[in-house]
Structure formats: C-alpha cells, structure tokens
Amino acid sequence: MLNTMKAKIDKILKNCEQLFSVCSQNIEDNQSWHNFVEIDGILNRIMELEKAEVIEIDRYDSLKDLTEWVKHEGACIDNVSIAFFPNYGYGLQANNDMNENDLILQIPRKLIFNVHTAAPELEIIKSDIILKQMPNIALALALLFERCKNSSKWNFYIKSLPRSYSTVLYMKPQDLEILKGCPSLDGAIKQIRNVARQYAYFKMILHKTKNDSLTKLKKSFTYENFRWAVSTVMTRQNMIPVKNEDKMILSLIPFWDMCNHEEGRITTNFDLSTNSCECFAMRHFKKSDQIFIHYGSRTSTEFFIHSGFLPENNHNDSFRLRLGISHLDPLKEQRIYLLNKLGLPINHEYTLRPGNEVISGSLLAFLRIFHFSKSELIKWMNSENFCMLTESSCDISNDIHCKAMSYIKVRLELLMQRYKSINEETILNEIQDMPLTRQLVWKMKLSEKNIMKNILSDIPISKDNN
C-alpha cells in the first residue's frame, strides 16, 4: 500500500516537473496553441492520479447556514436574502423596496477573509518570494488551507462557495479552439499557463516541506482544488484597507459576494468608522428584484477570462490589436527613434473602443509614424512639437491621415473575415444545450465580432471627421 502511494506521488511529481518546464518555456505566438495542448495533456494525467484526493462540497444545503452565520457574527443583511435566478444562478434578492443609495448590507471586518484574518499557520508560505508578488495566489492558498481544516471558523463560508466555475481554468482545448485566431484566446491560454505553472511550483515546494502545520494542505493540494481556489479568488476578490495601516489587502467578503454584476457604478466601500464593508443600492430595486452591483470597468475579455461570464451591453468593451514596426522596413531606425521619443513601444497591443474617440492618442501617433515618408520622419524627429503627434489636431496632411485610417480599417476588415461565417441568431439557438463553458466561448466570439463591427463603423477616414 505504501509502495503504491509512493509510486503515485512520484508520478505526480514527475509530471509536475514536466509541467513547470513546459509552462516556463519562451514560446512564439504561433506556438502558444501547441504549448497549451501539451499543458492540458499533462494536467489531465495529474488530475487522474490525484482524483481520490478531490474534496467535494455540497453548496445547496449550506446557503441557509451562511445566512445564519453572518447574522450571528454581526452582519447587517435584513434587506436581502439569497435566491436562485434563471441565467444567473444564486444571487441576492431584495426583501423590500429600495431607493438609490439605500444601504443594502454591512459586513464587519471580522467576517472578511484575507491572509491577515485566515490561515495564520501559513506564515512560512507567505514569506515565499513568488507569493509576495502574487497576493491572489497567497489568498487562494489561505482558502485551501482553511478548507482542509476539520473545524475552521470559515466553514460556513467555504461550504457555500460554488463547487466549480466557468472560468477559463475549466475549459478544454475543444472549447477554446473555437477562439482560434481571436485575440481573447491569447489571454485565456496565458491565464491557464500561469496557473498551471504556479500549481506545479507549489506542489513541489509542499512535497519538500517538513513543516507540520502544512501537512493537511500538502495532502489536499491537488490541481482540481487549486484551480477551484484560484477561480474563487478571481471571481470574488475585492480590496479593503488593512487595519491600522495605510495600504489595501486582497480579500473575500462573505455574503456580499453573492451579488451579481450589472452595468452601473461602484457602490461598495469600506467604512473605517464602522470597521465594515458597506454596499448601497446603485438604483431603485423593487421587493423580490435581484440586487445587482457593478464589478468595475472591465472589457468582455477580462470578464470572460477572470469572472467566467459575459455581461450584456458592456459599455467598457474594447478590441486589442497588435501592431509593430517590421525589421524589414528600410526606415525602421527613424520610426523607432520617433516612437522612443514619444515613449511608445516598437510592438504593442493597442486598444480600440467604439465611439467618437475610437483611435487613442498613442495609436494615432503610431499610425502616423508608420506611414511617414523619410522627409516627414526627419521633420518630426527634429521638431520641438513632436508630442502633438498624439493629438487629433496635429498639423499633418490629409493624405497621411487617410492612409493611417485606411490601414487600420483594412487590418480590422481582414480580421473580420474570421467571424463572417458566424450567424449570431443560429449560434445562440444552437448553444442552449451545450455545457456552460462552451456557451461562454461562443458568446465571447460573438462579442468580439460585434465590437469589431462597431469599431469599424466609427473609424473616420477623412481628417475633417476625426
């Protein structure tokens, strides 16, 4: 029995060494998909070996216990209750009519989960040089540590959390291959790669430790549990001020984190006078309405990767386009010199947003420099007003402006070819019976198509319309 267990642990560690190596490679953009498939294969082997160690959580029966617990510990939650909402899952429901700016709930500091209030035994890991740069992973490890305790003060909260998520960490190659050629795929793969590398690193660290307080964490530290903890943090994290210190700390706020997202404004803050997190209504809510809060200004891609959902009518959405100076450009040195004077990179992902200012100042400057002739480059290299290149009112010829705008439009139209075969109505009908992660991927692709369509219609070709 002991020999069998040792053999399994050895296999897991061997796979972790390979995983860490594969995740640490410097890869070209055209190799990222192959790299991801290799990572997924190693993770599948590891999860198969670790299968018996996965901790199951029954969430449904724990939500009532969560409510009673936070009430008992001094939370003010009389205005709301937990309820199930179609297309959203669990959320908070108004127990009475609420006006804008009415207090919804109040959660005292002692109920807020962070590395100061939970898992004090993890001091040895908190000192790790990598964790100091990754507070989200430190918080995830603290959550895992409390989860594996027999009698944690956080049990009611931890048991109320979802058993799994729809973040990219739960997506397989057959899901993400739908996004091939789409900008959101790069971000999704990077996130999976980073978390896989972190898992491999800490798995090997924990295996070597002799610290008695880490024994339980060591036994329960599986990739399945780690991605659950990381996803919990990604989808629920917030910043609160550290007690008696002038800095903020990443935290999880029980019960408050049941609120779902809606476009609006931030209405949650931490009141130092009451030493509690307070949430106010961002609009009028009727009795039995679902209570929504605004998570913050994020793009659809950010919601997709980190939150595991896509909001409707996201006014903060944008499209990222990578542009750069070719090493074959005979005027590359002059172009690079001028870009450096403006503090702009040679190769960069520029953000385009629909609206009157679809082209940012930095992108405008890059496009102009990219299309300048040698004489124009020399003129602006010697000009004291070179910073004006980022301004729409810059004194350049209409010919240069038209070339720059036509160029960006053609680039986007070429990218749009990847989306032309997609019929939104058909896709939305077909995905109804698909797993949630697959639905989300298709919605992400539709979102990119729509944002590009809106951006294309807003790009001004004539300088007079800029």
Protein backbone atom coordinates (compact mmCIF):
# COMPACT_ATOMS: atom_id res chain seq x y z
CA MET A 1 0.00 0.00 0.00
CA LEU A 2 2.75 2.43 0.98
CA ASN A 3 4.76 1.49 -2.09
CA THR A 4 1.71 2.08 -4.30
CA MET A 5 1.10 5.50 -2.74
CA LYS A 6 4.77 6.47 -3.09
CA ALA A 7 4.76 5.38 -6.73
CA LYS A 8 1.71 7.56 -7.39
CA ILE A 9 3.25 10.57 -5.66
CA ASP A 10 6.46 10.07 -7.64
CA LYS A 11 4.43 10.05 -10.89
CA ILE A 12 2.62 13.22 -9.88
CA LEU A 13 5.87 14.99 -9.03
CA LYS A 14 7.49 13.85 -12.27
CA ASN A 15 4.54 15.28 -14.19
CA CYS A 16 4.78 18.48 -12.15
CA GLU A 17 8.43 18.87 -13.11
CA GLN A 18 7.49 18.45 -16.76
CA LEU A 19 4.54 20.84 -16.35
CA PHE A 20 6.71 23.52 -14.77
CA SER A 21 9.25 23.17 -17.58
CA VAL A 22 6.64 23.36 -20.36
CA CYS A 23 4.91 26.35 -18.72
CA SER A 24 8.24 28.18 -18.32
CA GLN A 25 9.33 27.95 -21.96
CA ASN A 26 9.71 31.09 -24.05
CA ILE A 27 7.37 30.46 -26.95
CA GLU A 28 6.47 32.34 -30.11
CA ASP A 29 2.87 33.40 -30.70
CA ASN A 30 2.43 30.69 -33.34
CA GLN A 31 3.44 28.03 -30.79
CA SER A 32 1.04 29.00 -28.00
CA TRP A 33 -1.75 26.64 -29.06
CA HIS A 34 0.58 23.63 -29.25
CA ASN A 35 2.02 24.63 -25.87
CA PHE A 36 -1.49 24.84 -24.36
CA VAL A 37 -2.46 21.40 -25.69
CA GLU A 38 0.70 19.95 -24.16
CA ILE A 39 -0.07 21.63 -20.82
CA ASP A 40 -3.64 20.31 -20.90
CA GLY A 41 -2.38 16.78 -21.52
CA ILE A 42 -0.03 16.91 -18.52
CA LEU A 43 -2.77 18.37 -16.31
CA ASN A 44 -5.13 15.55 -17.33
CA ARG A 45 -2.55 12.99 -16.25
CA ILE A 46 -2.05 14.76 -12.95
CA MET A 47 -5.78 15.08 -12.24
CA GLU A 48 -6.25 11.38 -12.98
CA LEU A 49 -3.54 10.49 -10.47
CA GLU A 50 -4.92 12.93 -7.87
CA LYS A 51 -8.56 12.02 -8.37
CA ALA A 52 -9.05 10.34 -4.96
CA GLU A 53 -7.90 13.48 -3.16
CA VAL A 54 -10.51 15.88 -4.59
CA ILE A 55 -12.72 17.46 -1.90
CA GLU A 56 -16.45 17.59 -2.72
CA ILE A 57 -18.61 20.43 -1.39
CA ASP A 58 -22.40 20.39 -1.13
CA ARG A 59 -23.31 24.03 -1.72
CA TYR A 60 -27.11 23.96 -1.85
CA ASP A 61 -27.62 22.98 1.78
CA SER A 62 -25.03 25.43 3.05
CA LEU A 63 -26.53 28.74 1.85
CA LYS A 64 -29.01 28.92 4.72
CA ASP A 65 -26.16 28.19 7.15
CA LEU A 66 -24.15 31.02 5.57
CA THR A 67 -27.00 33.46 6.19
CA GLU A 68 -27.37 32.43 9.81
CA TRP A 69 -23.62 32.56 10.37
CA VAL A 70 -23.05 36.09 9.06
CA LYS A 71 -26.10 37.32 11.00
CA HIS A 72 -24.79 35.74 14.19
CA GLU A 73 -21.40 37.37 13.63
CA GLY A 74 -22.90 40.85 13.36
CA ALA A 75 -23.57 41.37 9.65
CA CYS A 76 -26.50 43.61 8.72
CA ILE A 77 -28.32 41.73 5.93
CA ASP A 78 -32.03 42.20 6.79
CA ASN A 79 -32.75 43.94 3.47
CA VAL A 80 -31.73 40.97 1.31
CA SER A 81 -31.83 37.18 1.12
CA ILE A 82 -30.22 34.53 -1.09
CA ALA A 83 -32.35 33.32 -4.01
CA PHE A 84 -31.92 31.48 -7.32
CA PHE A 85 -32.33 33.43 -10.56
CA PRO A 86 -32.57 31.84 -14.05
CA ASN A 87 -29.50 32.58 -16.21
CA TYR A 88 -27.65 33.91 -13.16
CA GLY A 89 -27.66 31.16 -10.57
CA TYR A 90 -27.66 32.26 -6.94
CA GLY A 91 -27.79 35.94 -6.10
CA LEU A 92 -29.27 38.38 -3.61
CA GLN A 93 -32.96 39.28 -3.62
CA ALA A 94 -34.49 42.48 -2.20
CA ASN A 95 -36.69 41.83 0.83
CA ASN A 96 -38.36 45.23 0.37
CA ASP A 97 -38.39 48.19 -2.00
CA MET A 98 -35.08 50.07 -2.08
CA ASN A 99 -34.20 53.51 -3.39
CA GLU A 100 -30.89 54.51 -4.93
CA ASN A 101 -28.16 54.84 -2.28
CA ASP A 102 -30.10 52.89 0.37
CA LEU A 103 -27.90 50.60 2.47
CA ILE A 104 -28.20 47.03 1.20
CA LEU A 105 -25.90 45.23 3.62
CA GLN A 106 -23.00 45.68 6.00
CA ILE A 107 -20.27 43.06 6.62
CA PRO A 108 -17.92 43.55 9.61
CA ARG A 109 -14.17 43.20 9.18
CA LYS A 110 -14.01 40.03 11.29
CA LEU A 111 -16.06 38.24 8.59
CA ILE A 112 -13.80 39.32 5.75
CA PHE A 113 -11.39 36.61 4.57
CA ASN A 114 -7.78 37.53 3.80
CA VAL A 115 -4.26 36.46 4.75
CA HIS A 116 -4.46 38.59 7.91
CA THR A 117 -7.66 37.02 9.22
CA ALA A 118 -7.28 33.43 7.99
CA ALA A 119 -4.70 30.62 7.87
CA PRO A 120 -2.17 32.05 10.35
CA GLU A 121 -0.27 28.74 10.08
CA LEU A 122 0.73 29.67 6.51
CA GLU A 123 3.35 32.20 7.62
CA ILE A 124 6.11 30.06 6.09
CA ILE A 125 4.45 30.16 2.67
CA LYS A 126 3.58 33.85 2.94
CA SER A 127 7.30 34.59 3.04
CA ASP A 128 7.81 32.89 -0.33
CA ILE A 129 9.36 35.31 -2.82
CA ILE A 130 6.82 34.43 -5.53
CA LEU A 131 3.80 34.84 -3.24
CA LYS A 132 4.92 38.34 -2.30
CA GLN A 133 4.34 39.31 -5.93
CA MET A 134 1.07 37.36 -6.22
CA PRO A 135 -1.41 38.26 -3.44
CA ASN A 136 -4.17 36.44 -5.34
CA ILE A 137 -2.29 33.13 -5.06
CA ALA A 138 -1.48 33.75 -1.40
CA LEU A 139 -5.21 34.28 -0.80
CA ALA A 140 -6.05 31.11 -2.77
CA LEU A 141 -3.62 29.07 -0.65
CA ALA A 142 -5.10 30.51 2.54
CA LEU A 143 -8.55 29.48 1.32
CA LEU A 144 -7.34 25.97 0.55
CA PHE A 145 -5.70 25.72 3.96
CA GLU A 146 -8.90 26.69 5.77
CA ARG A 147 -10.89 24.36 3.53
CA CYS A 148 -8.91 21.31 4.61
CA LYS A 149 -9.24 22.03 8.35
CA ASN A 150 -11.67 19.90 10.37
CA SER A 151 -13.06 22.88 12.26
CA SER A 152 -12.33 26.16 10.52
CA LYS A 153 -14.17 29.32 11.59
CA TRP A 154 -14.72 29.88 7.87
CA ASN A 155 -16.51 26.55 7.23
CA PHE A 156 -19.94 28.11 6.66
CA TYR A 157 -18.49 30.47 4.07
CA ILE A 158 -16.31 27.92 2.31
CA LYS A 159 -19.12 25.36 2.05
CA SER A 160 -21.38 28.00 0.48
CA LEU A 161 -18.97 28.63 -2.41
CA PRO A 162 -19.58 27.09 -5.87
CA ARG A 163 -18.10 23.63 -6.37
CA SER A 164 -16.71 24.62 -9.77
CA TYR A 165 -16.59 27.64 -12.05
CA SER A 166 -16.87 28.60 -15.70
CA THR A 167 -13.53 30.42 -15.79
CA VAL A 168 -11.02 29.50 -18.50
CA LEU A 169 -9.26 27.21 -15.99
CA TYR A 170 -12.14 24.77 -16.54
CA MET A 171 -12.01 24.93 -20.33
CA LYS A 172 -10.55 22.24 -22.56
CA PRO A 173 -8.87 22.52 -25.99
CA GLN A 174 -12.13 21.51 -27.69
CA ASP A 175 -13.77 24.54 -26.06
CA LEU A 176 -11.06 27.09 -26.70
CA GLU A 177 -10.27 26.02 -30.27
CA ILE A 178 -13.46 27.90 -31.21
CA LEU A 179 -11.49 31.07 -30.47
CA LYS A 180 -8.55 30.27 -32.74
CA GLY A 181 -7.49 33.48 -34.45
CA CYS A 182 -9.30 35.63 -31.86
CA PRO A 183 -7.42 38.00 -29.51
CA SER A 184 -9.21 36.62 -26.44
CA LEU A 185 -7.59 33.20 -26.97
CA ASP A 186 -4.11 34.53 -26.14
CA GLY A 187 -5.27 35.88 -22.79
CA ALA A 188 -7.11 32.67 -21.94
CA ILE A 189 -4.09 30.49 -22.71
CA LYS A 190 -1.76 32.76 -20.72
CA GLN A 191 -4.04 32.51 -17.71
CA ILE A 192 -4.17 28.69 -17.87
CA ARG A 193 -0.42 28.51 -18.40
CA ASN A 194 0.33 30.81 -15.43
CA VAL A 195 -1.94 28.93 -13.02
CA ALA A 196 -0.56 25.56 -14.16
CA ARG A 197 3.00 26.79 -13.53
CA GLN A 198 2.02 28.11 -10.09
CA TYR A 199 0.40 24.78 -9.22
CA ALA A 200 3.50 22.81 -10.27
CA TYR A 201 5.78 25.13 -8.32
CA PHE A 202 3.83 24.92 -5.05
CA LYS A 203 3.19 21.19 -5.43
CA MET A 204 6.94 20.60 -5.48
CA ILE A 205 7.54 23.09 -2.63
CA LEU A 206 4.92 21.45 -0.42
CA HIS A 207 6.28 17.99 -1.13
CA LYS A 208 9.68 19.01 0.25
CA THR A 209 8.44 20.88 3.33
CA LYS A 210 8.90 19.40 6.81
CA ASN A 211 6.60 21.94 8.46
CA ASP A 212 3.95 20.05 10.48
CA SER A 213 1.32 22.77 10.07
CA LEU A 214 1.39 22.31 6.28
CA THR A 215 0.67 18.55 6.35
CA LYS A 216 -3.06 18.91 5.68
CA LEU A 217 -2.51 21.43 2.90
CA LYS A 218 0.11 19.15 1.40
CA LYS A 219 -2.36 16.23 1.28
CA SER A 220 -5.20 18.23 -0.24
CA PHE A 221 -3.13 20.31 -2.64
CA THR A 222 -4.34 18.98 -5.99
CA TYR A 223 -4.72 20.80 -9.28
CA GLU A 224 -8.51 20.41 -9.06
CA ASN A 225 -8.54 22.06 -5.63
CA PHE A 226 -6.01 24.71 -6.65
CA ARG A 227 -7.93 25.84 -9.74
CA TRP A 228 -11.07 25.95 -7.59
CA ALA A 229 -9.35 28.20 -5.05
CA VAL A 230 -7.80 30.44 -7.74
CA SER A 231 -11.16 30.73 -9.52
CA THR A 232 -12.87 31.58 -6.24
CA VAL A 233 -10.42 34.44 -5.73
CA MET A 234 -10.60 35.61 -9.37
CA THR A 235 -14.40 35.79 -9.35
CA ARG A 236 -14.87 37.22 -5.83
CA GLN A 237 -11.83 39.29 -4.84
CA ASN A 238 -12.02 42.83 -3.55
CA MET A 239 -9.65 45.27 -1.87
CA ILE A 240 -10.16 46.57 1.66
CA PRO A 241 -7.90 48.74 3.83
CA VAL A 242 -5.60 46.96 6.27
CA LYS A 243 -6.47 47.70 9.88
CA ASN A 244 -4.29 50.50 11.29
CA GLU A 245 -2.19 50.59 8.11
CA ASP A 246 -2.16 52.84 5.07
CA LYS A 247 -2.46 50.08 2.48
CA MET A 248 -5.02 47.74 0.91
CA ILE A 249 -5.32 43.96 1.07
CA LEU A 250 -6.95 41.49 -1.31
CA SER A 251 -9.97 39.91 0.38
CA LEU A 252 -13.08 37.76 0.06
CA ILE A 253 -16.28 39.21 1.52
CA PRO A 254 -18.82 36.52 2.55
CA PHE A 255 -22.48 37.05 1.58
CA TRP A 256 -21.72 40.32 -0.24
CA ASP A 257 -20.01 38.25 -2.93
CA MET A 258 -23.39 36.64 -3.75
CA CYS A 259 -24.27 39.83 -5.68
CA ASN A 260 -24.24 39.53 -9.48
CA HIS A 261 -22.95 42.17 -11.89
CA GLU A 262 -24.77 44.89 -13.82
CA GLU A 263 -23.59 47.99 -15.69
CA GLY A 264 -23.60 50.97 -13.37
CA ARG A 265 -21.30 52.46 -10.75
CA ILE A 266 -19.30 51.20 -7.79
CA THR A 267 -21.46 51.44 -4.65
CA THR A 268 -19.43 49.33 -2.21
CA ASN A 269 -16.87 50.81 0.16
CA PHE A 270 -15.19 50.13 3.47
CA ASP A 271 -16.26 52.42 6.29
CA LEU A 272 -13.40 52.83 8.78
CA SER A 273 -15.74 54.33 11.37
CA THR A 274 -17.88 51.17 11.50
CA ASN A 275 -14.97 48.89 10.54
CA SER A 276 -17.17 47.19 7.95
CA CYS A 277 -17.79 46.77 4.25
CA GLU A 278 -20.94 48.63 3.20
CA CYS A 279 -22.92 48.15 0.00
CA PHE A 280 -25.50 50.65 -1.25
CA ALA A 281 -28.16 50.36 -3.95
CA MET A 282 -26.92 51.77 -7.26
CA ARG A 283 -30.52 52.20 -8.47
CA HIS A 284 -34.11 51.57 -7.39
CA PHE A 285 -34.97 47.92 -6.66
CA LYS A 286 -38.48 46.58 -6.06
CA LYS A 287 -39.24 43.91 -3.49
CA SER A 288 -38.21 40.46 -4.87
CA ASP A 289 -35.93 42.03 -7.52
CA GLN A 290 -32.45 40.67 -7.87
CA ILE A 291 -29.90 43.04 -6.33
CA PHE A 292 -27.07 43.87 -8.72
CA ILE A 293 -23.78 45.63 -8.11
CA HIS A 294 -21.19 46.94 -10.56
CA TYR A 295 -17.96 44.91 -10.52
CA GLY A 296 -15.94 47.62 -12.22
CA SER A 297 -14.95 48.82 -15.70
CA ARG A 298 -13.67 45.72 -17.49
CA THR A 299 -13.64 44.53 -21.07
CA SER A 300 -15.66 41.49 -22.11
CA THR A 301 -12.40 39.55 -22.49
CA GLU A 302 -11.47 40.34 -18.89
CA PHE A 303 -14.88 39.18 -17.67
CA PHE A 304 -14.54 36.04 -19.80
CA ILE A 305 -11.09 35.10 -18.51
CA HIS A 306 -11.30 36.14 -14.87
CA SER A 307 -15.00 36.11 -13.97
CA GLY A 308 -16.40 33.26 -16.05
CA PHE A 309 -19.30 35.19 -17.58
CA LEU A 310 -20.04 37.87 -20.18
CA PRO A 311 -22.20 40.89 -19.32
CA GLU A 312 -24.74 42.15 -21.82
CA ASN A 313 -24.23 45.61 -23.35
CA ASN A 314 -20.79 46.15 -21.89
CA HIS A 315 -20.07 49.85 -22.44
CA ASN A 316 -16.44 49.37 -21.40
CA ASP A 317 -15.68 46.83 -24.10
CA SER A 318 -12.77 47.22 -26.49
CA PHE A 319 -10.67 45.34 -29.03
CA ARG A 320 -6.92 44.88 -28.76
CA LEU A 321 -4.88 44.95 -31.95
CA ARG A 322 -1.16 44.13 -32.08
CA LEU A 323 0.89 46.43 -34.32
CA GLY A 324 4.61 46.91 -34.76
CA ILE A 325 7.49 48.06 -36.94
CA SER A 326 8.85 45.40 -39.27
CA HIS A 327 12.57 44.67 -39.10
CA LEU A 328 12.49 44.77 -42.94
CA ASP A 329 11.25 48.38 -43.02
CA PRO A 330 14.08 50.48 -44.59
CA LEU A 331 13.04 53.41 -42.35
CA LYS A 332 12.71 51.35 -39.18
CA GLU A 333 15.50 53.22 -37.33
CA GLN A 334 13.88 56.61 -37.87
CA ARG A 335 10.43 55.27 -36.96
CA ILE A 336 11.76 53.59 -33.81
CA TYR A 337 13.64 56.75 -32.81
CA LEU A 338 10.47 58.82 -33.04
CA LEU A 339 8.41 56.19 -31.20
CA ASN A 340 11.02 56.16 -28.42
CA LYS A 341 10.83 59.94 -28.11
CA LEU A 342 7.09 59.55 -27.51
CA GLY A 343 7.63 56.68 -25.08
CA LEU A 344 5.81 54.25 -27.36
CA PRO A 345 6.86 50.59 -27.82
CA ILE A 346 8.01 49.20 -31.17
CA ASN A 347 5.50 46.36 -30.88
CA HIS A 348 2.36 46.80 -28.84
CA GLU A 349 -1.28 45.77 -28.39
CA TYR A 350 -3.34 48.91 -28.93
CA THR A 351 -6.85 49.29 -27.57
CA LEU A 352 -9.69 50.39 -29.84
CA ARG A 353 -13.07 51.40 -28.39
CA PRO A 354 -16.28 52.23 -30.25
CA GLY A 355 -17.35 55.87 -30.15
CA ASN A 356 -16.08 59.28 -31.11
CA GLU A 357 -12.57 58.53 -29.82
CA VAL A 358 -12.17 55.08 -31.33
CA ILE A 359 -8.47 55.74 -32.02
CA SER A 360 -6.41 56.56 -28.91
CA GLY A 361 -3.67 59.17 -28.97
CA SER A 362 -0.89 56.58 -28.77
CA LEU A 363 -2.36 54.53 -31.61
CA LEU A 364 -2.87 57.68 -33.68
CA ALA A 365 0.81 58.57 -33.23
CA PHE A 366 1.94 55.05 -34.16
CA LEU A 367 -0.16 55.03 -37.34
CA ARG A 368 1.17 58.41 -38.41
CA ILE A 369 4.79 57.45 -37.78
CA PHE A 370 4.19 54.13 -39.54
CA HIS A 371 3.11 55.99 -42.72
CA PHE A 372 5.51 58.96 -42.71
CA SER A 373 7.98 59.34 -45.56
CA LYS A 374 11.67 59.83 -44.78
CA SER A 375 11.40 63.62 -45.02
CA GLU A 376 8.37 63.68 -42.73
CA LEU A 377 10.13 61.46 -40.20
CA ILE A 378 13.17 63.76 -40.15
CA LYS A 379 10.91 66.80 -39.79
CA TRP A 380 9.16 65.38 -36.70
CA MET A 381 12.35 63.94 -35.24
CA ASN A 382 13.75 67.48 -35.15
CA SER A 383 10.53 69.17 -34.09
CA GLU A 384 10.01 70.51 -30.56
CA ASN A 385 6.30 69.78 -31.02
CA PHE A 386 6.68 66.02 -31.65
CA CYS A 387 4.27 65.32 -28.77
CA MET A 388 1.50 66.75 -30.95
CA LEU A 389 1.59 63.50 -32.94
CA THR A 390 -0.72 62.01 -30.31
CA GLU A 391 -3.28 64.79 -30.82
CA SER A 392 -6.13 64.71 -33.35
CA SER A 393 -5.48 68.40 -34.05
CA CYS A 394 -1.90 67.69 -35.14
CA ASP A 395 -0.83 69.53 -38.30
CA ILE A 396 -0.31 66.64 -40.74
CA SER A 397 -1.50 66.19 -44.29
CA ASN A 398 -4.90 64.71 -45.04
CA ASP A 399 -3.06 62.17 -47.21
CA ILE A 400 -1.17 60.76 -44.20
CA HIS A 401 -4.34 60.75 -42.12
CA CYS A 402 -6.31 58.89 -44.80
CA LYS A 403 -3.52 56.34 -45.24
CA ALA A 404 -3.37 55.74 -41.49
CA MET A 405 -7.14 55.33 -41.09
CA SER A 406 -7.44 53.19 -44.22
CA TYR A 407 -4.65 50.97 -42.96
CA ILE A 408 -6.30 50.31 -39.60
CA LYS A 409 -9.64 49.74 -41.28
CA VAL A 410 -8.19 47.20 -43.72
CA ARG A 411 -6.45 45.38 -40.84
CA LEU A 412 -9.72 45.09 -38.96
CA GLU A 413 -11.66 44.06 -42.07
CA LEU A 414 -9.17 41.25 -42.63
CA LEU A 415 -9.65 40.13 -39.04
CA MET A 416 -13.42 40.29 -39.51
CA GLN A 417 -13.15 37.56 -42.13
CA ARG A 418 -12.71 35.09 -39.25
CA TYR A 419 -16.16 36.00 -37.96
CA LYS A 420 -18.13 36.38 -41.21
CA SER A 421 -19.43 32.80 -41.25
CA ILE A 422 -20.95 33.23 -37.77
CA ASN A 423 -24.69 33.81 -37.68
CA GLU A 424 -25.48 35.18 -34.24
CA GLU A 425 -29.10 34.02 -34.12
CA THR A 426 -28.20 30.50 -35.22
CA ILE A 427 -25.31 30.21 -32.76
CA LEU A 428 -27.37 31.46 -29.82
CA ASN A 429 -30.02 28.84 -30.60
CA GLU A 430 -27.52 26.02 -31.05
CA ILE A 431 -25.57 26.62 -27.85
CA GLN A 432 -28.54 26.28 -25.50
CA ASP A 433 -27.84 22.60 -24.85
CA MET A 434 -24.05 22.95 -24.71
CA PRO A 435 -22.03 22.92 -21.46
CA LEU A 436 -21.73 26.35 -19.84
CA THR A 437 -18.05 26.72 -20.74
CA ARG A 438 -18.78 26.00 -24.42
CA GLN A 439 -21.65 28.51 -24.41
CA LEU A 440 -19.35 31.11 -22.92
CA VAL A 441 -16.69 30.60 -25.58
CA TRP A 442 -19.21 31.09 -28.38
CA LYS A 443 -20.59 34.20 -26.71
CA MET A 444 -17.04 35.55 -26.43
CA LYS A 445 -16.53 35.05 -30.16
CA LEU A 446 -19.84 36.78 -30.94
CA SER A 447 -18.85 39.62 -28.62
CA GLU A 448 -15.57 40.13 -30.49
CA LYS A 449 -17.40 40.14 -33.81
CA ASN A 450 -19.84 42.81 -32.61
CA ILE A 451 -17.20 45.04 -31.04
CA MET A 452 -15.12 44.95 -34.23
CA LYS A 453 -18.19 45.77 -36.30
CA ASN A 454 -18.91 48.80 -34.11
CA ILE A 455 -15.29 49.96 -34.19
CA LEU A 456 -15.12 49.71 -37.98
CA SER A 457 -18.20 51.89 -38.35
CA ASP A 458 -16.66 54.57 -36.10
CA ILE A 459 -13.22 54.91 -37.75
CA PRO A 460 -13.03 58.31 -39.52
CA ILE A 461 -11.38 58.09 -42.93
CA SER A 462 -11.39 61.82 -43.66
CA LYS A 463 -9.31 64.10 -41.44
CA ASP A 464 -12.22 66.51 -41.29
CA ASN A 465 -14.26 63.84 -39.47
CA ASN A 466 -11.51 62.95 -36.98
